[in-house]
Amino acid sequence: MNAPRTRILTILVGIAILALVSQSVFGAAAEIKKSVTVMEDGRFLIKLKVTSSGSAIYGLKLIDPEAAIVNVYAPAGWCIVTDGEDLLARTSTKPLKAGKTVEFVIHSSTDKIDYTWSVHGDLKQLGNVEKL
């Protein structure tokens, strides 16, 4: 009678450990915190603080369904371009290492931040596409 209980308990403990490990492996590749400030000209200053959760981040892609991005500013070592709807930021020399944060500045004609975003490693996308 004790052998089946011990076996079931061992299996349940194994499943619990597997669940904890899989959450850390499949969790988000980055975290983005946002702040919005109204500027004097009526536009909005959006600051996005991107923090890497694991792998080195070499790129950031944002999609703005409002197509309201007016101007963008990249941190040192990063290049950033936009057409108003898509924003692409990339670096080859200063990847964002695990636990580190970098800030991107966006000027927008609206304060609606409904961006879809993804982060990229040196060759492929990290994690899933997320909604901001």
Protein backbone atom coordinates (compact mmCIF):
# COMPACT_ATOMS: atom_id res chain seq x y z
CA MET A 1 0.00 0.00 0.00
CA ASN A 2 2.85 2.41 0.75
CA ALA A 3 4.66 1.71 -2.55
CA PRO A 4 1.87 3.18 -4.77
CA ARG A 5 1.61 6.27 -2.56
CA THR A 6 5.36 6.80 -2.67
CA ARG A 7 5.39 6.36 -6.44
CA ILE A 8 2.51 8.85 -6.91
CA LEU A 9 4.17 11.36 -4.58
CA THR A 10 7.44 11.04 -6.52
CA ILE A 11 5.62 11.62 -9.82
CA LEU A 12 3.78 14.68 -8.46
CA VAL A 13 7.02 16.20 -7.15
CA GLY A 14 8.63 15.58 -10.55
CA ILE A 15 5.74 17.30 -12.33
CA ALA A 16 5.95 20.30 -9.97
CA ILE A 17 9.69 20.67 -10.61
CA LEU A 18 9.14 20.37 -14.37
CA ALA A 19 6.44 23.06 -14.23
CA LEU A 20 8.75 25.47 -12.39
CA VAL A 21 11.61 24.89 -14.82
CA SER A 22 9.39 25.26 -17.90
CA GLN A 23 8.02 28.61 -16.67
CA SER A 24 11.49 30.10 -16.50
CA VAL A 25 12.40 28.70 -19.94
CA PHE A 26 9.23 29.79 -21.71
CA GLY A 27 8.69 33.10 -19.90
CA ALA A 28 8.86 36.44 -21.65
CA ALA A 29 12.24 37.35 -23.14
CA ALA A 30 11.92 40.95 -21.96
CA GLU A 31 9.83 43.30 -19.90
CA ILE A 32 8.82 46.75 -21.13
CA LYS A 33 7.73 49.56 -18.82
CA LYS A 34 6.25 52.70 -20.33
CA SER A 35 5.73 56.29 -19.29
CA VAL A 36 3.88 59.01 -21.21
CA THR A 37 4.41 62.77 -20.82
CA VAL A 38 2.54 65.54 -22.63
CA MET A 39 4.94 67.94 -24.39
CA GLU A 40 4.42 71.68 -24.93
CA ASP A 41 3.55 71.25 -28.62
CA GLY A 42 0.68 68.84 -27.85
CA ARG A 43 2.58 65.73 -28.81
CA PHE A 44 3.49 63.00 -26.39
CA LEU A 45 6.86 61.81 -25.12
CA ILE A 46 6.84 58.05 -24.61
CA LYS A 47 9.69 56.39 -22.77
CA LEU A 48 10.02 52.63 -23.05
CA LYS A 49 12.36 50.91 -20.60
CA VAL A 50 13.26 47.48 -21.94
CA THR A 51 14.74 44.95 -19.52
CA SER A 52 16.15 41.63 -20.73
CA SER A 53 14.91 38.57 -18.86
CA GLY A 54 17.47 36.11 -20.16
CA SER A 55 19.11 36.04 -23.57
CA ALA A 56 21.02 38.99 -25.00
CA ILE A 57 18.71 41.32 -26.95
CA TYR A 58 20.06 42.75 -30.20
CA GLY A 59 16.81 44.12 -31.61
CA LEU A 60 13.38 45.52 -30.78
CA LYS A 61 10.38 45.71 -33.10
CA LEU A 62 7.25 47.76 -32.32
CA ILE A 63 4.11 47.98 -34.42
CA ASP A 64 1.84 50.98 -33.78
CA PRO A 65 -1.67 50.40 -35.21
CA GLU A 66 -2.35 54.15 -34.90
CA ALA A 67 0.72 54.96 -37.07
CA ALA A 68 1.32 57.90 -34.73
CA ILE A 69 5.08 57.66 -34.18
CA VAL A 70 6.60 61.01 -35.18
CA ASN A 71 10.22 60.73 -34.08
CA VAL A 72 12.46 58.26 -32.25
CA TYR A 73 15.65 58.41 -30.21
CA ALA A 74 17.96 55.46 -29.61
CA PRO A 75 20.37 54.91 -26.74
CA ALA A 76 24.12 54.98 -27.45
CA GLY A 77 25.21 52.03 -29.57
CA TRP A 78 21.75 51.42 -31.03
CA CYS A 79 20.28 52.40 -34.42
CA ILE A 80 16.55 53.04 -34.68
CA VAL A 81 14.26 53.71 -37.67
CA THR A 82 10.53 54.18 -38.11
CA ASP A 83 7.98 54.85 -40.83
CA GLY A 84 5.35 55.95 -38.29
CA GLU A 85 3.79 52.52 -37.92
CA ASP A 86 6.75 50.14 -37.56
CA LEU A 87 9.74 50.86 -35.36
CA LEU A 88 12.92 48.82 -35.62
CA ALA A 89 15.86 49.20 -33.24
CA ARG A 90 19.08 47.22 -33.62
CA THR A 91 22.58 47.00 -32.20
CA SER A 92 25.59 44.94 -33.07
CA THR A 93 27.96 46.22 -30.39
CA LYS A 94 25.84 46.77 -27.26
CA PRO A 95 23.33 43.94 -26.79
CA LEU A 96 21.06 44.13 -23.78
CA LYS A 97 22.33 41.47 -21.36
CA ALA A 98 20.17 39.60 -18.85
CA GLY A 99 18.81 41.87 -16.11
CA LYS A 100 20.01 45.07 -17.81
CA THR A 101 17.73 47.92 -18.95
CA VAL A 102 17.87 50.34 -21.87
CA GLU A 103 15.51 53.25 -22.61
CA PHE A 104 14.01 54.20 -25.97
CA VAL A 105 12.33 57.58 -26.47
CA ILE A 106 9.42 58.03 -28.88
CA HIS A 107 7.56 61.19 -29.88
CA SER A 108 3.97 60.41 -30.80
CA SER A 109 0.91 62.35 -31.95
CA THR A 110 -1.28 60.32 -29.57
CA ASP A 111 -1.03 58.97 -26.04
CA LYS A 112 -2.67 55.67 -27.05
CA ILE A 113 0.04 53.09 -26.56
CA ASP A 114 -1.37 49.98 -28.14
CA TYR A 115 1.94 48.70 -29.52
CA THR A 116 2.70 45.13 -30.41
CA TRP A 117 6.33 44.32 -29.67
CA SER A 118 8.95 41.63 -29.98
CA VAL A 119 12.62 41.36 -29.12
CA HIS A 120 15.30 39.67 -31.17
CA GLY A 121 18.61 37.98 -30.50
CA ASP A 122 21.53 38.14 -32.91
CA LEU A 123 19.76 35.88 -35.44
CA LYS A 124 16.20 35.11 -34.34
CA GLN A 125 13.18 36.36 -32.42
CA LEU A 126 13.24 35.73 -28.67
CA GLY A 127 9.99 34.73 -27.04
CA ASN A 128 6.58 35.59 -28.42
CA VAL A 129 5.08 38.77 -29.86
CA GLU A 130 3.54 40.71 -26.94
CA LYS A 131 1.01 43.52 -26.54
CA LEU A 132 2.12 46.65 -24.63
